[in-house]
Amino acid sequence: MPPVQDKSLLEKFLSSSLMGKMAMPLIFIAAILVIVGIDLLLSWNDFSGFFKILGIELLVAVVVWILKLVFSKSKTSDDSVDSEV
């Protein structure tokens, strides 16, 4: 039976940074870059098309964020009303 080896340097870095505080900003930056890249590919170097696609995506993101806030607030207020009764 071979001896147990420690994690490699790469495994230690990935487990410490990606599972730690750096995960969310890195994922956010990567997602933004992927979205902008896909927009550039879809617009075929047409700037007006690129900004239309990007604007639609931003509007959808804002609407989803507002709906998420509204439903999370209503859920917490429903929970507090139930607990008071």
C-alpha atoms as a PDB file:
ATOM      1  CA  MET A   1       0.000   0.000   0.000  1.00  0.00           C
ATOM      2  CA  PRO A   2       1.562   3.345  -1.065  1.00  0.00           C
ATOM      3  CA  PRO A   3       2.071   6.034   1.567  1.00  0.00           C
ATOM      4  CA  VAL A   4      -0.462   8.832   1.801  1.00  0.00           C
ATOM      5  CA  GLN A   5       0.817  11.956   0.074  1.00  0.00           C
ATOM      6  CA  ASP A   6       0.030  15.526   1.014  1.00  0.00           C
ATOM      7  CA  LYS A   7      -1.970  17.674  -1.342  1.00  0.00           C
ATOM      8  CA  SER A   8      -0.073  19.325  -4.151  1.00  0.00           C
ATOM      9  CA  LEU A   9       0.563  23.061  -4.119  1.00  0.00           C
ATOM     10  CA  LEU A  10      -2.154  23.609  -6.738  1.00  0.00           C
ATOM     11  CA  GLU A  11      -4.704  21.623  -4.735  1.00  0.00           C
ATOM     12  CA  LYS A  12      -3.856  23.598  -1.594  1.00  0.00           C
ATOM     13  CA  PHE A  13      -4.226  26.915  -3.465  1.00  0.00           C
ATOM     14  CA  LEU A  14      -7.553  25.959  -5.045  1.00  0.00           C
ATOM     15  CA  SER A  15      -9.025  24.660  -1.823  1.00  0.00           C
ATOM     16  CA  SER A  16      -7.905  27.681   0.187  1.00  0.00           C
ATOM     17  CA  SER A  17      -8.707  30.472  -2.261  1.00  0.00           C
ATOM     18  CA  LEU A  18     -11.711  29.213  -4.191  1.00  0.00           C
ATOM     19  CA  MET A  19     -13.435  27.923  -1.111  1.00  0.00           C
ATOM     20  CA  GLY A  20     -12.532  31.054   0.810  1.00  0.00           C
ATOM     21  CA  LYS A  21     -13.221  34.726   0.427  1.00  0.00           C
ATOM     22  CA  MET A  22     -11.847  34.952  -3.123  1.00  0.00           C
ATOM     23  CA  ALA A  23     -14.463  32.648  -4.637  1.00  0.00           C
ATOM     24  CA  MET A  24     -17.341  35.070  -5.141  1.00  0.00           C
ATOM     25  CA  PRO A  25     -15.350  37.931  -6.702  1.00  0.00           C
ATOM     26  CA  LEU A  26     -13.521  35.526  -9.021  1.00  0.00           C
ATOM     27  CA  ILE A  27     -16.751  33.866 -10.119  1.00  0.00           C
ATOM     28  CA  PHE A  28     -18.391  37.287 -10.608  1.00  0.00           C
ATOM     29  CA  ILE A  29     -15.509  38.583 -12.755  1.00  0.00           C
ATOM     30  CA  ALA A  30     -15.415  35.374 -14.792  1.00  0.00           C
ATOM     31  CA  ALA A  31     -19.185  35.539 -15.382  1.00  0.00           C
ATOM     32  CA  ILE A  32     -18.993  39.172 -16.529  1.00  0.00           C
ATOM     33  CA  LEU A  33     -16.147  38.353 -18.934  1.00  0.00           C
ATOM     34  CA  VAL A  34     -18.039  35.365 -20.355  1.00  0.00           C
ATOM     35  CA  ILE A  35     -21.209  37.421 -20.852  1.00  0.00           C
ATOM     36  CA  VAL A  36     -19.365  40.280 -22.570  1.00  0.00           C
ATOM     37  CA  GLY A  37     -17.488  37.775 -24.745  1.00  0.00           C
ATOM     38  CA  ILE A  38     -20.692  36.063 -25.821  1.00  0.00           C
ATOM     39  CA  ASP A  39     -22.241  39.467 -26.545  1.00  0.00           C
ATOM     40  CA  LEU A  40     -19.284  40.371 -28.752  1.00  0.00           C
ATOM     41  CA  LEU A  41     -19.582  37.098 -30.636  1.00  0.00           C
ATOM     42  CA  LEU A  42     -23.326  37.521 -31.136  1.00  0.00           C
ATOM     43  CA  SER A  43     -23.076  41.131 -32.282  1.00  0.00           C
ATOM     44  CA  TRP A  44     -20.496  40.330 -34.999  1.00  0.00           C
ATOM     45  CA  ASN A  45     -18.529  43.538 -34.287  1.00  0.00           C
ATOM     46  CA  ASP A  46     -21.625  45.743 -34.607  1.00  0.00           C
ATOM     47  CA  PHE A  47     -21.438  48.178 -31.693  1.00  0.00           C
ATOM     48  CA  SER A  48     -25.118  49.108 -31.702  1.00  0.00           C
ATOM     49  CA  GLY A  49     -26.067  45.428 -31.637  1.00  0.00           C
ATOM     50  CA  PHE A  50     -23.602  44.779 -28.823  1.00  0.00           C
ATOM     51  CA  PHE A  51     -25.022  47.555 -26.661  1.00  0.00           C
ATOM     52  CA  LYS A  52     -28.613  46.474 -27.387  1.00  0.00           C
ATOM     53  CA  ILE A  53     -27.848  42.917 -26.272  1.00  0.00           C
ATOM     54  CA  LEU A  54     -25.954  44.160 -23.226  1.00  0.00           C
ATOM     55  CA  GLY A  55     -28.760  46.561 -22.307  1.00  0.00           C
ATOM     56  CA  ILE A  56     -31.373  43.817 -22.520  1.00  0.00           C
ATOM     57  CA  GLU A  57     -29.228  41.580 -20.319  1.00  0.00           C
ATOM     58  CA  LEU A  58     -28.803  44.361 -17.758  1.00  0.00           C
ATOM     59  CA  LEU A  59     -32.546  45.039 -17.683  1.00  0.00           C
ATOM     60  CA  VAL A  60     -33.291  41.346 -17.172  1.00  0.00           C
ATOM     61  CA  ALA A  61     -30.697  41.154 -14.381  1.00  0.00           C
ATOM     62  CA  VAL A  62     -32.184  44.193 -12.604  1.00  0.00           C
ATOM     63  CA  VAL A  63     -35.739  42.839 -12.872  1.00  0.00           C
ATOM     64  CA  VAL A  64     -34.654  39.437 -11.516  1.00  0.00           C
ATOM     65  CA  TRP A  65     -32.756  41.118  -8.667  1.00  0.00           C
ATOM     66  CA  ILE A  66     -35.779  43.294  -7.730  1.00  0.00           C
ATOM     67  CA  LEU A  67     -38.122  40.297  -7.839  1.00  0.00           C
ATOM     68  CA  LYS A  68     -35.724  38.333  -5.665  1.00  0.00           C
ATOM     69  CA  LEU A  69     -35.649  41.185  -3.139  1.00  0.00           C
ATOM     70  CA  VAL A  70     -39.433  41.526  -3.115  1.00  0.00           C
ATOM     71  CA  PHE A  71     -40.046  37.820  -2.640  1.00  0.00           C
ATOM     72  CA  SER A  72     -37.370  37.473   0.026  1.00  0.00           C
ATOM     73  CA  LYS A  73     -38.855  40.427   1.963  1.00  0.00           C
ATOM     74  CA  SER A  74     -42.380  39.029   1.693  1.00  0.00           C
ATOM     75  CA  LYS A  75     -41.189  35.600   2.815  1.00  0.00           C
ATOM     76  CA  THR A  76     -39.449  37.027   5.884  1.00  0.00           C
ATOM     77  CA  SER A  77     -42.478  39.171   6.757  1.00  0.00           C
ATOM     78  CA  ASP A  78     -44.741  36.110   6.410  1.00  0.00           C
ATOM     79  CA  ASP A  79     -42.450  34.174   8.746  1.00  0.00           C
ATOM     80  CA  SER A  80     -42.540  36.964  11.340  1.00  0.00           C
ATOM     81  CA  VAL A  81     -46.353  37.189  11.177  1.00  0.00           C
ATOM     82  CA  ASP A  82     -46.641  33.423  11.665  1.00  0.00           C
ATOM     83  CA  SER A  83     -44.295  33.470  14.629  1.00  0.00           C
ATOM     84  CA  GLU A  84     -46.249  36.274  16.355  1.00  0.00           C
ATOM     85  CA  VAL A  85     -49.560  34.372  16.202  1.00  0.00           C
END
